[in-house]
PDB file of N, CA and C in Angstrom:
ATOM      1  N   MET A   1     -19.230  -1.466  -6.112  1.00  0.00           N
ATOM      2  CA  MET A   1     -18.548  -0.200  -5.966  1.00  0.00           C
ATOM      3  C   MET A   1     -18.504   0.213  -4.497  1.00  0.00           C
ATOM      4  N   LYS A   2     -19.630   0.011  -3.768  1.00  0.00           N
ATOM      5  CA  LYS A   2     -19.655   0.369  -2.357  1.00  0.00           C
ATOM      6  C   LYS A   2     -18.652  -0.465  -1.581  1.00  0.00           C
ATOM      7  N   ARG A   3     -18.500  -1.722  -1.978  1.00  0.00           N
ATOM      8  CA  ARG A   3     -17.552  -2.614  -1.296  1.00  0.00           C
ATOM      9  C   ARG A   3     -16.129  -2.095  -1.454  1.00  0.00           C
ATOM     10  N   ARG A   4     -15.768  -1.658  -2.656  1.00  0.00           N
ATOM     11  CA  ARG A   4     -14.416  -1.144  -2.894  1.00  0.00           C
ATOM     12  C   ARG A   4     -14.150   0.108  -2.073  1.00  0.00           C
ATOM     13  N   ARG A   5     -15.125   0.984  -2.023  1.00  0.00           N
ATOM     14  CA  ARG A   5     -14.941   2.211  -1.243  1.00  0.00           C
ATOM     15  C   ARG A   5     -14.819   1.889   0.244  1.00  0.00           C
ATOM     16  N   PHE A   6     -15.637   0.941   0.722  1.00  0.00           N
ATOM     17  CA  PHE A   6     -15.555   0.537   2.118  1.00  0.00           C
ATOM     18  C   PHE A   6     -14.186  -0.047   2.430  1.00  0.00           C
ATOM     19  N   LEU A   7     -13.708  -0.937   1.548  1.00  0.00           N
ATOM     20  CA  LEU A   7     -12.404  -1.553   1.779  1.00  0.00           C
ATOM     21  C   LEU A   7     -11.282  -0.529   1.695  1.00  0.00           C
ATOM     22  N   ALA A   8     -11.402   0.415   0.795  1.00  0.00           N
ATOM     23  CA  ALA A   8     -10.389   1.465   0.703  1.00  0.00           C
ATOM     24  C   ALA A   8     -10.381   2.301   1.977  1.00  0.00           C
ATOM     25  N   ALA A   9     -11.561   2.653   2.460  1.00  0.00           N
ATOM     26  CA  ALA A   9     -11.641   3.434   3.694  1.00  0.00           C
ATOM     27  C   ALA A   9     -11.099   2.643   4.880  1.00  0.00           C
ATOM     28  N   LEU A  10     -11.394   1.357   4.922  1.00  0.00           N
ATOM     29  CA  LEU A  10     -10.888   0.491   5.991  1.00  0.00           C
ATOM     30  C   LEU A  10      -9.371   0.432   5.955  1.00  0.00           C
ATOM     31  N   GLY A  11      -8.812   0.286   4.774  1.00  0.00           N
ATOM     32  CA  GLY A  11      -7.356   0.260   4.632  1.00  0.00           C
ATOM     33  C   GLY A  11      -6.723   1.564   5.060  1.00  0.00           C
ATOM     34  N   VAL A  12      -7.349   2.671   4.684  1.00  0.00           N
ATOM     35  CA  VAL A  12      -6.819   3.981   5.054  1.00  0.00           C
ATOM     36  C   VAL A  12      -6.884   4.168   6.564  1.00  0.00           C
ATOM     37  N   ALA A  13      -7.981   3.747   7.174  1.00  0.00           N
ATOM     38  CA  ALA A  13      -8.097   3.874   8.625  1.00  0.00           C
ATOM     39  C   ALA A  13      -7.018   3.059   9.332  1.00  0.00           C
ATOM     40  N   ALA A  14      -6.714   1.900   8.788  1.00  0.00           N
ATOM     41  CA  ALA A  14      -5.709   1.036   9.405  1.00  0.00           C
ATOM     42  C   ALA A  14      -4.302   1.601   9.267  1.00  0.00           C
ATOM     43  N   ILE A  15      -4.049   2.374   8.215  1.00  0.00           N
ATOM     44  CA  ILE A  15      -2.702   2.910   8.024  1.00  0.00           C
ATOM     45  C   ILE A  15      -2.565   4.338   8.528  1.00  0.00           C
ATOM     46  N   ASP A  16      -3.653   4.967   8.897  1.00  0.00           N
ATOM     47  CA  ASP A  16      -3.612   6.356   9.335  1.00  0.00           C
ATOM     48  C   ASP A  16      -2.713   6.543  10.552  1.00  0.00           C
ATOM     49  N   ALA A  17      -2.858   5.731  11.557  1.00  0.00           N
ATOM     50  CA  ALA A  17      -2.058   5.872  12.781  1.00  0.00           C
ATOM     51  C   ALA A  17      -0.569   5.632  12.534  1.00  0.00           C
ATOM     52  N   PRO A  18      -0.176   4.547  11.828  1.00  0.00           N
ATOM     53  CA  PRO A  18       1.265   4.371  11.591  1.00  0.00           C
ATOM     54  C   PRO A  18       1.889   5.514  10.793  1.00  0.00           C
ATOM     55  N   ILE A  19       1.169   6.058   9.833  1.00  0.00           N
ATOM     56  CA  ILE A  19       1.710   7.166   9.047  1.00  0.00           C
ATOM     57  C   ILE A  19       1.850   8.405   9.919  1.00  0.00           C
ATOM     58  N   ALA A  20       0.846   8.679  10.739  1.00  0.00           N
ATOM     59  CA  ALA A  20       0.921   9.845  11.617  1.00  0.00           C
ATOM     60  C   ALA A  20       2.087   9.702  12.587  1.00  0.00           C
ATOM     61  N   ALA A  21       2.283   8.518  13.128  1.00  0.00           N
ATOM     62  CA  ALA A  21       3.394   8.288  14.051  1.00  0.00           C
ATOM     63  C   ALA A  21       4.726   8.454  13.343  1.00  0.00           C
ATOM     64  N   LEU A  22       4.845   7.933  12.142  1.00  0.00           N
ATOM     65  CA  LEU A  22       6.094   8.060  11.401  1.00  0.00           C
ATOM     66  C   LEU A  22       6.360   9.514  11.031  1.00  0.00           C
ATOM     67  N   ALA A  23       5.331  10.227  10.664  1.00  0.00           N
ATOM     68  CA  ALA A  23       5.504  11.624  10.280  1.00  0.00           C
ATOM     69  C   ALA A  23       6.032  12.448  11.449  1.00  0.00           C
ATOM     70  N   GLN A  24       5.654  12.090  12.658  1.00  0.00           N
ATOM     71  CA  GLN A  24       6.136  12.810  13.823  1.00  0.00           C
ATOM     72  C   GLN A  24       7.599  12.472  14.118  1.00  0.00           C
ATOM     73  N   GLN A  25       8.030  11.262  13.770  1.00  0.00           N
ATOM     74  CA  GLN A  25       9.371  10.813  14.097  1.00  0.00           C
ATOM     75  C   GLN A  25      10.396  11.171  13.022  1.00  0.00           C
ATOM     76  N   SER A  26       9.988  11.272  11.807  1.00  0.00           N
ATOM     77  CA  SER A  26      10.909  11.417  10.695  1.00  0.00           C
ATOM     78  C   SER A  26      10.765  12.785  10.040  1.00  0.00           C
ATOM     79  N   THR A  27      11.849  13.250   9.464  1.00  0.00           N
ATOM     80  CA  THR A  27      11.777  14.516   8.742  1.00  0.00           C
ATOM     81  C   THR A  27      11.400  14.300   7.284  1.00  0.00           C
ATOM     82  N   GLY A  28      11.505  13.064   6.796  1.00  0.00           N
ATOM     83  CA  GLY A  28      11.163  12.759   5.404  1.00  0.00           C
ATOM     84  C   GLY A  28       9.680  12.536   5.230  1.00  0.00           C
ATOM     85  N   ILE A  29       9.278  12.404   3.993  1.00  0.00           N
ATOM     86  CA  ILE A  29       7.876  12.132   3.677  1.00  0.00           C
ATOM     87  C   ILE A  29       7.636  10.634   3.834  1.00  0.00           C
ATOM     88  N   PRO A  30       6.598  10.237   4.590  1.00  0.00           N
ATOM     89  CA  PRO A  30       6.313   8.813   4.762  1.00  0.00           C
ATOM     90  C   PRO A  30       5.946   8.149   3.431  1.00  0.00           C
ATOM     91  N   ARG A  31       6.358   6.904   3.291  1.00  0.00           N
ATOM     92  CA  ARG A  31       6.059   6.125   2.088  1.00  0.00           C
ATOM     93  C   ARG A  31       5.006   5.065   2.398  1.00  0.00           C
ATOM     94  N   ILE A  32       4.152   4.837   1.412  1.00  0.00           N
ATOM     95  CA  ILE A  32       3.200   3.739   1.467  1.00  0.00           C
ATOM     96  C   ILE A  32       3.544   2.830   0.301  1.00  0.00           C
ATOM     97  N   GLY A  33       3.909   1.601   0.590  1.00  0.00           N
ATOM     98  CA  GLY A  33       4.162   0.626  -0.460  1.00  0.00           C
ATOM     99  C   GLY A  33       2.851  -0.023  -0.874  1.00  0.00           C
ATOM    100  N   VAL A  34       2.661  -0.220  -2.142  1.00  0.00           N
ATOM    101  CA  VAL A  34       1.455  -0.877  -2.659  1.00  0.00           C
ATOM    102  C   VAL A  34       1.901  -1.982  -3.603  1.00  0.00           C
ATOM    103  N   LEU A  35       1.494  -3.205  -3.297  1.00  0.00           N
ATOM    104  CA  LEU A  35       1.824  -4.356  -4.133  1.00  0.00           C
ATOM    105  C   LEU A  35       0.544  -4.914  -4.727  1.00  0.00           C
ATOM    106  N   MET A  36       0.486  -4.956  -6.056  1.00  0.00           N
ATOM    107  CA  MET A  36      -0.698  -5.449  -6.754  1.00  0.00           C
ATOM    108  C   MET A  36      -0.285  -6.540  -7.722  1.00  0.00           C
ATOM    109  N   GLY A  37      -1.077  -7.576  -7.772  1.00  0.00           N
ATOM    110  CA  GLY A  37      -0.749  -8.721  -8.611  1.00  0.00           C
ATOM    111  C   GLY A  37      -1.073  -8.538 -10.076  1.00  0.00           C
ATOM    112  N   SER A  38      -1.916  -7.600 -10.390  1.00  0.00           N
ATOM    113  CA  SER A  38      -2.348  -7.415 -11.767  1.00  0.00           C
ATOM    114  C   SER A  38      -1.654  -6.217 -12.409  1.00  0.00           C
ATOM    115  N   SER A  39      -2.297  -5.647 -13.417  1.00  0.00           N
ATOM    116  CA  SER A  39      -1.727  -4.525 -14.169  1.00  0.00           C
ATOM    117  C   SER A  39      -2.374  -3.205 -13.738  1.00  0.00           C
ATOM    118  N   PRO A  40      -1.764  -2.076 -14.083  1.00  0.00           N
ATOM    119  CA  PRO A  40      -2.341  -0.781 -13.730  1.00  0.00           C
ATOM    120  C   PRO A  40      -3.776  -0.593 -14.241  1.00  0.00           C
ATOM    121  N   GLY A  41      -4.056  -1.066 -15.436  1.00  0.00           N
ATOM    122  CA  GLY A  41      -5.408  -0.923 -15.983  1.00  0.00           C
ATOM    123  C   GLY A  41      -6.454  -1.668 -15.176  1.00  0.00           C
ATOM    124  N   VAL A  42      -6.122  -2.860 -14.745  1.00  0.00           N
ATOM    125  CA  VAL A  42      -7.052  -3.679 -13.970  1.00  0.00           C
ATOM    126  C   VAL A  42      -7.242  -3.096 -12.564  1.00  0.00           C
ATOM    127  N   GLU A  43      -6.193  -2.560 -12.002  1.00  0.00           N
ATOM    128  CA  GLU A  43      -6.216  -2.066 -10.619  1.00  0.00           C
ATOM    129  C   GLU A  43      -6.602  -0.594 -10.499  1.00  0.00           C
ATOM    130  N   ALA A  44      -6.843   0.083 -11.601  1.00  0.00           N
ATOM    131  CA  ALA A  44      -7.058   1.536 -11.605  1.00  0.00           C
ATOM    132  C   ALA A  44      -8.214   1.981 -10.714  1.00  0.00           C
ATOM    133  N   GLU A  45      -9.338   1.310 -10.779  1.00  0.00           N
ATOM    134  CA  GLU A  45     -10.501   1.738  -9.997  1.00  0.00           C
ATOM    135  C   GLU A  45     -10.245   1.615  -8.499  1.00  0.00           C
ATOM    136  N   GLY A  46      -9.680   0.500  -8.076  1.00  0.00           N
ATOM    137  CA  GLY A  46      -9.379   0.317  -6.663  1.00  0.00           C
ATOM    138  C   GLY A  46      -8.336   1.310  -6.166  1.00  0.00           C
ATOM    139  N   LEU A  47      -7.331   1.564  -6.992  1.00  0.00           N
ATOM    140  CA  LEU A  47      -6.289   2.515  -6.621  1.00  0.00           C
ATOM    141  C   LEU A  47      -6.854   3.934  -6.516  1.00  0.00           C
ATOM    142  N   ALA A  48      -7.753   4.274  -7.421  1.00  0.00           N
ATOM    143  CA  ALA A  48      -8.384   5.601  -7.373  1.00  0.00           C
ATOM    144  C   ALA A  48      -9.194   5.766  -6.092  1.00  0.00           C
ATOM    145  N   ALA A  49      -9.907   4.726  -5.685  1.00  0.00           N
ATOM    146  CA  ALA A  49     -10.671   4.786  -4.440  1.00  0.00           C
ATOM    147  C   ALA A  49      -9.741   4.920  -3.237  1.00  0.00           C
ATOM    148  N   PHE A  50      -8.628   4.211  -3.266  1.00  0.00           N
ATOM    149  CA  PHE A  50      -7.640   4.278  -2.188  1.00  0.00           C
ATOM    150  C   PHE A  50      -7.059   5.682  -2.078  1.00  0.00           C
ATOM    151  N   ARG A  51      -6.645   6.251  -3.218  1.00  0.00           N
ATOM    152  CA  ARG A  51      -6.094   7.610  -3.222  1.00  0.00           C
ATOM    153  C   ARG A  51      -7.136   8.628  -2.741  1.00  0.00           C
ATOM    154  N   GLY A  52      -8.377   8.439  -3.187  1.00  0.00           N
ATOM    155  CA  GLY A  52      -9.447   9.351  -2.769  1.00  0.00           C
ATOM    156  C   GLY A  52      -9.681   9.312  -1.269  1.00  0.00           C
ATOM    157  N   ALA A  53      -9.648   8.119  -0.690  1.00  0.00           N
ATOM    158  CA  ALA A  53      -9.826   7.988   0.758  1.00  0.00           C
ATOM    159  C   ALA A  53      -8.663   8.630   1.506  1.00  0.00           C
ATOM    160  N   LEU A  54      -7.449   8.459   1.000  1.00  0.00           N
ATOM    161  CA  LEU A  54      -6.290   9.104   1.623  1.00  0.00           C
ATOM    162  C   LEU A  54      -6.416  10.627   1.560  1.00  0.00           C
ATOM    163  N   GLU A  55      -6.850  11.142   0.409  1.00  0.00           N
ATOM    164  CA  GLU A  55      -6.984  12.592   0.246  1.00  0.00           C
ATOM    165  C   GLU A  55      -8.018  13.172   1.196  1.00  0.00           C
ATOM    166  N   LYS A  56      -9.082  12.428   1.452  1.00  0.00           N
ATOM    167  CA  LYS A  56     -10.093  12.897   2.407  1.00  0.00           C
ATOM    168  C   LYS A  56      -9.506  13.046   3.803  1.00  0.00           C
ATOM    169  N   LEU A  57      -8.470  12.274   4.094  1.00  0.00           N
ATOM    170  CA  LEU A  57      -7.794  12.366   5.387  1.00  0.00           C
ATOM    171  C   LEU A  57      -6.632  13.364   5.358  1.00  0.00           C
ATOM    172  N   GLY A  58      -6.435  13.995   4.212  1.00  0.00           N
ATOM    173  CA  GLY A  58      -5.394  15.014   4.102  1.00  0.00           C
ATOM    174  C   GLY A  58      -4.059  14.505   3.589  1.00  0.00           C
ATOM    175  N   TYR A  59      -3.999  13.249   3.145  1.00  0.00           N
ATOM    176  CA  TYR A  59      -2.756  12.677   2.631  1.00  0.00           C
ATOM    177  C   TYR A  59      -2.774  12.742   1.101  1.00  0.00           C
ATOM    178  N   ILE A  60      -1.863  13.508   0.533  1.00  0.00           N
ATOM    179  CA  ILE A  60      -1.820  13.689  -0.914  1.00  0.00           C
ATOM    180  C   ILE A  60      -0.486  13.175  -1.434  1.00  0.00           C
ATOM    181  N   ASP A  61      -0.572  12.240  -2.369  1.00  0.00           N
ATOM    182  CA  ASP A  61       0.624  11.628  -2.940  1.00  0.00           C
ATOM    183  C   ASP A  61       1.516  12.685  -3.570  1.00  0.00           C
ATOM    184  N   GLY A  62       2.775  12.663  -3.190  1.00  0.00           N
ATOM    185  CA  GLY A  62       3.733  13.612  -3.722  1.00  0.00           C
ATOM    186  C   GLY A  62       3.868  14.882  -2.896  1.00  0.00           C
ATOM    187  N   GLN A  63       2.918  15.111  -1.981  1.00  0.00           N
ATOM    188  CA  GLN A  63       2.990  16.301  -1.123  1.00  0.00           C
ATOM    189  C   GLN A  63       3.375  15.935   0.302  1.00  0.00           C
ATOM    190  N   ASN A  64       2.543  15.109   0.950  1.00  0.00           N
ATOM    191  CA  ASN A  64       2.858  14.740   2.324  1.00  0.00           C
ATOM    192  C   ASN A  64       2.973  13.223   2.533  1.00  0.00           C
ATOM    193  N   ILE A  65       2.827  12.460   1.470  1.00  0.00           N
ATOM    194  CA  ILE A  65       3.114  11.025   1.455  1.00  0.00           C
ATOM    195  C   ILE A  65       3.641  10.662   0.069  1.00  0.00           C
ATOM    196  N   LEU A  66       4.300   9.545  -0.015  1.00  0.00           N
ATOM    197  CA  LEU A  66       4.712   8.992  -1.301  1.00  0.00           C
ATOM    198  C   LEU A  66       4.136   7.598  -1.430  1.00  0.00           C
ATOM    199  N   ILE A  67       3.440   7.345  -2.507  1.00  0.00           N
ATOM    200  CA  ILE A  67       2.883   6.014  -2.760  1.00  0.00           C
ATOM    201  C   ILE A  67       3.796   5.327  -3.762  1.00  0.00           C
ATOM    202  N   GLU A  68       4.368   4.215  -3.334  1.00  0.00           N
ATOM    203  CA  GLU A  68       5.260   3.414  -4.174  1.00  0.00           C
ATOM    204  C   GLU A  68       4.466   2.228  -4.716  1.00  0.00           C
ATOM    205  N   LEU A  69       4.126   2.268  -5.991  1.00  0.00           N
ATOM    206  CA  LEU A  69       3.303   1.229  -6.618  1.00  0.00           C
ATOM    207  C   LEU A  69       4.173   0.169  -7.279  1.00  0.00           C
ATOM    208  N   ARG A  70       3.798  -1.075  -7.102  1.00  0.00           N
ATOM    209  CA  ARG A  70       4.462  -2.190  -7.781  1.00  0.00           C
ATOM    210  C   ARG A  70       3.379  -3.136  -8.295  1.00  0.00           C
ATOM    211  N   TYR A  71       3.487  -3.500  -9.572  1.00  0.00           N
ATOM    212  CA  TYR A  71       2.519  -4.381 -10.227  1.00  0.00           C
ATOM    213  C   TYR A  71       3.228  -5.648 -10.699  1.00  0.00           C
ATOM    214  N   ALA A  72       2.665  -6.799 -10.389  1.00  0.00           N
ATOM    215  CA  ALA A  72       3.235  -8.071 -10.843  1.00  0.00           C
ATOM    216  C   ALA A  72       2.778  -8.429 -12.254  1.00  0.00           C
ATOM    217  N   MET A  73       1.869  -7.669 -12.798  1.00  0.00           N
ATOM    218  CA  MET A  73       1.384  -7.850 -14.176  1.00  0.00           C
ATOM    219  C   MET A  73       0.856  -9.261 -14.423  1.00  0.00           C
ATOM    220  N   GLY A  74       0.170  -9.816 -13.425  1.00  0.00           N
ATOM    221  CA  GLY A  74      -0.423 -11.143 -13.564  1.00  0.00           C
ATOM    222  C   GLY A  74       0.580 -12.285 -13.512  1.00  0.00           C
ATOM    223  N   GLN A  75       1.780 -12.017 -13.033  1.00  0.00           N
ATOM    224  CA  GLN A  75       2.831 -13.040 -12.942  1.00  0.00           C
ATOM    225  C   GLN A  75       3.164 -13.286 -11.470  1.00  0.00           C
ATOM    226  N   PRO A  76       2.516 -14.253 -10.846  1.00  0.00           N
ATOM    227  CA  PRO A  76       2.705 -14.489  -9.416  1.00  0.00           C
ATOM    228  C   PRO A  76       4.150 -14.794  -9.017  1.00  0.00           C
ATOM    229  N   ASP A  77       4.947 -15.308  -9.940  1.00  0.00           N
ATOM    230  CA  ASP A  77       6.341 -15.609  -9.617  1.00  0.00           C
ATOM    231  C   ASP A  77       7.164 -14.343  -9.359  1.00  0.00           C
ATOM    232  N   ARG A  78       6.649 -13.187  -9.723  1.00  0.00           N
ATOM    233  CA  ARG A  78       7.346 -11.918  -9.494  1.00  0.00           C
ATOM    234  C   ARG A  78       7.068 -11.343  -8.104  1.00  0.00           C
ATOM    235  N   LEU A  79       6.044 -11.844  -7.423  1.00  0.00           N
ATOM    236  CA  LEU A  79       5.605 -11.243  -6.170  1.00  0.00           C
ATOM    237  C   LEU A  79       6.683 -11.268  -5.082  1.00  0.00           C
ATOM    238  N   GLU A  80       7.405 -12.373  -4.961  1.00  0.00           N
ATOM    239  CA  GLU A  80       8.400 -12.484  -3.899  1.00  0.00           C
ATOM    240  C   GLU A  80       9.494 -11.422  -4.032  1.00  0.00           C
ATOM    241  N   SER A  81      10.052 -11.278  -5.219  1.00  0.00           N
ATOM    242  CA  SER A  81      11.118 -10.285  -5.391  1.00  0.00           C
ATOM    243  C   SER A  81      10.578  -8.867  -5.252  1.00  0.00           C
ATOM    244  N   MET A  82       9.378  -8.632  -5.730  1.00  0.00           N
ATOM    245  CA  MET A  82       8.780  -7.306  -5.612  1.00  0.00           C
ATOM    246  C   MET A  82       8.504  -6.971  -4.147  1.00  0.00           C
ATOM    247  N   ALA A  83       8.072  -7.956  -3.379  1.00  0.00           N
ATOM    248  CA  ALA A  83       7.820  -7.743  -1.952  1.00  0.00           C
ATOM    249  C   ALA A  83       9.115  -7.364  -1.244  1.00  0.00           C
ATOM    250  N   HIS A  84      10.195  -8.061  -1.540  1.00  0.00           N
ATOM    251  CA  HIS A  84      11.484  -7.752  -0.916  1.00  0.00           C
ATOM    252  C   HIS A  84      11.972  -6.354  -1.299  1.00  0.00           C
ATOM    253  N   LYS A  85      11.749  -5.957  -2.543  1.00  0.00           N
ATOM    254  CA  LYS A  85      12.155  -4.620  -2.978  1.00  0.00           C
ATOM    255  C   LYS A  85      11.345  -3.531  -2.265  1.00  0.00           C
ATOM    256  N   LEU A  86      10.043  -3.770  -2.083  1.00  0.00           N
ATOM    257  CA  LEU A  86       9.223  -2.809  -1.347  1.00  0.00           C
ATOM    258  C   LEU A  86       9.688  -2.698   0.098  1.00  0.00           C
ATOM    259  N   VAL A  87       9.964  -3.829   0.729  1.00  0.00           N
ATOM    260  CA  VAL A  87      10.421  -3.837   2.121  1.00  0.00           C
ATOM    261  C   VAL A  87      11.746  -3.088   2.249  1.00  0.00           C
ATOM    262  N   ALA A  88      12.631  -3.237   1.277  1.00  0.00           N
ATOM    263  CA  ALA A  88      13.926  -2.555   1.304  1.00  0.00           C
ATOM    264  C   ALA A  88      13.777  -1.036   1.271  1.00  0.00           C
ATOM    265  N   MET A  89      12.663  -0.536   0.763  1.00  0.00           N
ATOM    266  CA  MET A  89      12.412   0.904   0.718  1.00  0.00           C
ATOM    267  C   MET A  89      11.988   1.444   2.080  1.00  0.00           C
ATOM    268  N   ALA A  90      11.715   0.549   3.032  1.00  0.00           N
ATOM    269  CA  ALA A  90      11.307   0.898   4.397  1.00  0.00           C
ATOM    270  C   ALA A  90      10.088   1.820   4.445  1.00  0.00           C
ATOM    271  N   PRO A  91       8.977   1.414   3.807  1.00  0.00           N
ATOM    272  CA  PRO A  91       7.773   2.244   3.891  1.00  0.00           C
ATOM    273  C   PRO A  91       7.164   2.177   5.290  1.00  0.00           C
ATOM    274  N   ALA A  92       6.318   3.130   5.605  1.00  0.00           N
ATOM    275  CA  ALA A  92       5.629   3.136   6.889  1.00  0.00           C
ATOM    276  C   ALA A  92       4.632   1.985   6.970  1.00  0.00           C
ATOM    277  N   VAL A  93       4.066   1.632   5.835  1.00  0.00           N
ATOM    278  CA  VAL A  93       3.060   0.575   5.749  1.00  0.00           C
ATOM    279  C   VAL A  93       3.051   0.062   4.318  1.00  0.00           C
ATOM    280  N   ILE A  94       2.622  -1.182   4.147  1.00  0.00           N
ATOM    281  CA  ILE A  94       2.469  -1.749   2.806  1.00  0.00           C
ATOM    282  C   ILE A  94       1.028  -2.211   2.648  1.00  0.00           C
ATOM    283  N   VAL A  95       0.440  -1.886   1.518  1.00  0.00           N
ATOM    284  CA  VAL A  95      -0.945  -2.228   1.207  1.00  0.00           C
ATOM    285  C   VAL A  95      -0.946  -3.219   0.054  1.00  0.00           C
ATOM    286  N   CYS A  96      -1.824  -4.215   0.124  1.00  0.00           N
ATOM    287  CA  CYS A  96      -1.934  -5.165  -0.984  1.00  0.00           C
ATOM    288  C   CYS A  96      -3.343  -5.707  -1.067  1.00  0.00           C
ATOM    289  N   VAL A  97      -3.623  -6.330  -2.197  1.00  0.00           N
ATOM    290  CA  VAL A  97      -4.909  -6.967  -2.434  1.00  0.00           C
ATOM    291  C   VAL A  97      -4.616  -8.379  -2.905  1.00  0.00           C
ATOM    292  N   GLY A  98      -5.146  -9.360  -2.221  1.00  0.00           N
ATOM    293  CA  GLY A  98      -4.979 -10.737  -2.656  1.00  0.00           C
ATOM    294  C   GLY A  98      -4.147 -11.584  -1.712  1.00  0.00           C
ATOM    295  N   ARG A  99      -4.428 -12.858  -1.740  1.00  0.00           N
ATOM    296  CA  ARG A  99      -3.775 -13.833  -0.863  1.00  0.00           C
ATOM    297  C   ARG A  99      -2.304 -14.016  -1.207  1.00  0.00           C
ATOM    298  N   GLN A 100      -1.977 -14.120  -2.480  1.00  0.00           N
ATOM    299  CA  GLN A 100      -0.593 -14.345  -2.881  1.00  0.00           C
ATOM    300  C   GLN A 100       0.287 -13.133  -2.552  1.00  0.00           C
ATOM    301  N   GLU A 101      -0.249 -11.954  -2.766  1.00  0.00           N
ATOM    302  CA  GLU A 101       0.487 -10.736  -2.454  1.00  0.00           C
ATOM    303  C   GLU A 101       0.761 -10.652  -0.953  1.00  0.00           C
ATOM    304  N   THR A 102      -0.272 -10.955  -0.168  1.00  0.00           N
ATOM    305  CA  THR A 102      -0.140 -10.926   1.289  1.00  0.00           C
ATOM    306  C   THR A 102       0.904 -11.917   1.764  1.00  0.00           C
ATOM    307  N   ALA A 103       0.866 -13.130   1.242  1.00  0.00           N
ATOM    308  CA  ALA A 103       1.832 -14.163   1.645  1.00  0.00           C
ATOM    309  C   ALA A 103       3.257 -13.744   1.295  1.00  0.00           C
ATOM    310  N   ALA A 104       3.453 -13.160   0.126  1.00  0.00           N
ATOM    311  CA  ALA A 104       4.789 -12.705  -0.277  1.00  0.00           C
ATOM    312  C   ALA A 104       5.294 -11.614   0.658  1.00  0.00           C
ATOM    313  N   LEU A 105       4.425 -10.704   1.033  1.00  0.00           N
ATOM    314  CA  LEU A 105       4.828  -9.626   1.937  1.00  0.00           C
ATOM    315  C   LEU A 105       5.105 -10.138   3.342  1.00  0.00           C
ATOM    316  N   GLN A 106       4.282 -11.060   3.821  1.00  0.00           N
ATOM    317  CA  GLN A 106       4.505 -11.617   5.156  1.00  0.00           C
ATOM    318  C   GLN A 106       5.813 -12.394   5.216  1.00  0.00           C
ATOM    319  N   ALA A 107       6.202 -12.996   4.123  1.00  0.00           N
ATOM    320  CA  ALA A 107       7.483 -13.706   4.079  1.00  0.00           C
ATOM    321  C   ALA A 107       8.653 -12.723   4.044  1.00  0.00           C
ATOM    322  N   ALA A 108       8.414 -11.530   3.529  1.00  0.00           N
ATOM    323  CA  ALA A 108       9.485 -10.538   3.376  1.00  0.00           C
ATOM    324  C   ALA A 108       9.696  -9.685   4.622  1.00  0.00           C
ATOM    325  N   THR A 109       8.659  -9.498   5.442  1.00  0.00           N
ATOM    326  CA  THR A 109       8.800  -8.642   6.627  1.00  0.00           C
ATOM    327  C   THR A 109       7.856  -9.065   7.742  1.00  0.00           C
ATOM    328  N   ARG A 110       8.319  -8.847   8.947  1.00  0.00           N
ATOM    329  CA  ARG A 110       7.484  -9.013  10.141  1.00  0.00           C
ATOM    330  C   ARG A 110       7.439  -7.719  10.940  1.00  0.00           C
ATOM    331  N   THR A 111       8.078  -6.685  10.422  1.00  0.00           N
ATOM    332  CA  THR A 111       8.136  -5.423  11.169  1.00  0.00           C
ATOM    333  C   THR A 111       7.325  -4.298  10.545  1.00  0.00           C
ATOM    334  N   ILE A 112       7.150  -4.311   9.236  1.00  0.00           N
ATOM    335  CA  ILE A 112       6.373  -3.267   8.566  1.00  0.00           C
ATOM    336  C   ILE A 112       4.905  -3.704   8.552  1.00  0.00           C
ATOM    337  N   PRO A 113       3.990  -2.841   8.991  1.00  0.00           N
ATOM    338  CA  PRO A 113       2.575  -3.208   8.956  1.00  0.00           C
ATOM    339  C   PRO A 113       2.108  -3.481   7.527  1.00  0.00           C
ATOM    340  N   ILE A 114       1.291  -4.527   7.371  1.00  0.00           N
ATOM    341  CA  ILE A 114       0.732  -4.899   6.067  1.00  0.00           C
ATOM    342  C   ILE A 114      -0.781  -4.799   6.177  1.00  0.00           C
ATOM    343  N   VAL A 115      -1.379  -4.008   5.309  1.00  0.00           N
ATOM    344  CA  VAL A 115      -2.832  -3.875   5.238  1.00  0.00           C
ATOM    345  C   VAL A 115      -3.277  -4.578   3.978  1.00  0.00           C
ATOM    346  N   PHE A 116      -4.212  -5.515   4.111  1.00  0.00           N
ATOM    347  CA  PHE A 116      -4.636  -6.294   2.954  1.00  0.00           C
ATOM    348  C   PHE A 116      -6.132  -6.546   3.021  1.00  0.00           C
ATOM    349  N   ARG A 117      -6.654  -6.944   1.864  1.00  0.00           N
ATOM    350  CA  ARG A 117      -8.058  -7.382   1.820  1.00  0.00           C
ATOM    351  C   ARG A 117      -8.145  -8.621   1.011  1.00  0.00           C
TER     352      ARG A 117
END
C-alpha cells in the first residue's frame, strides 16, 4: 500500500509542473489522460490513490482538471488504438501503468509528457 501511495505521489509530482504551465496558457480545463491495461475494478485502488494525491495538490477532477480514463480490459491488442485516441484529445500529460501501455503511448506521441511506473 505504501508503494502505491509513493508511486501515485511521484506521478503527481511529475505532472504538476506541466499542468500548471498549461493552465496558465489555456483558458480550458487541463486534461490528464490515463491508460490502464486492466479493468476499472482491478485498477480502482491505484486510481483512488492517484486522485487523492492530485486532490492534496488542489487538483479536483471535474473542477480544475479533467481525467480521461481508458481501460484495455486485459486486451493488450487494444492499447495501440486507445493510445492514439488519448493523444488525439491533446491532454497536458498522460499517465499509465505497465510496460505495454508505456510502449503504446511512446509510439503514439513524442510531444505529450508520459508518466509511467
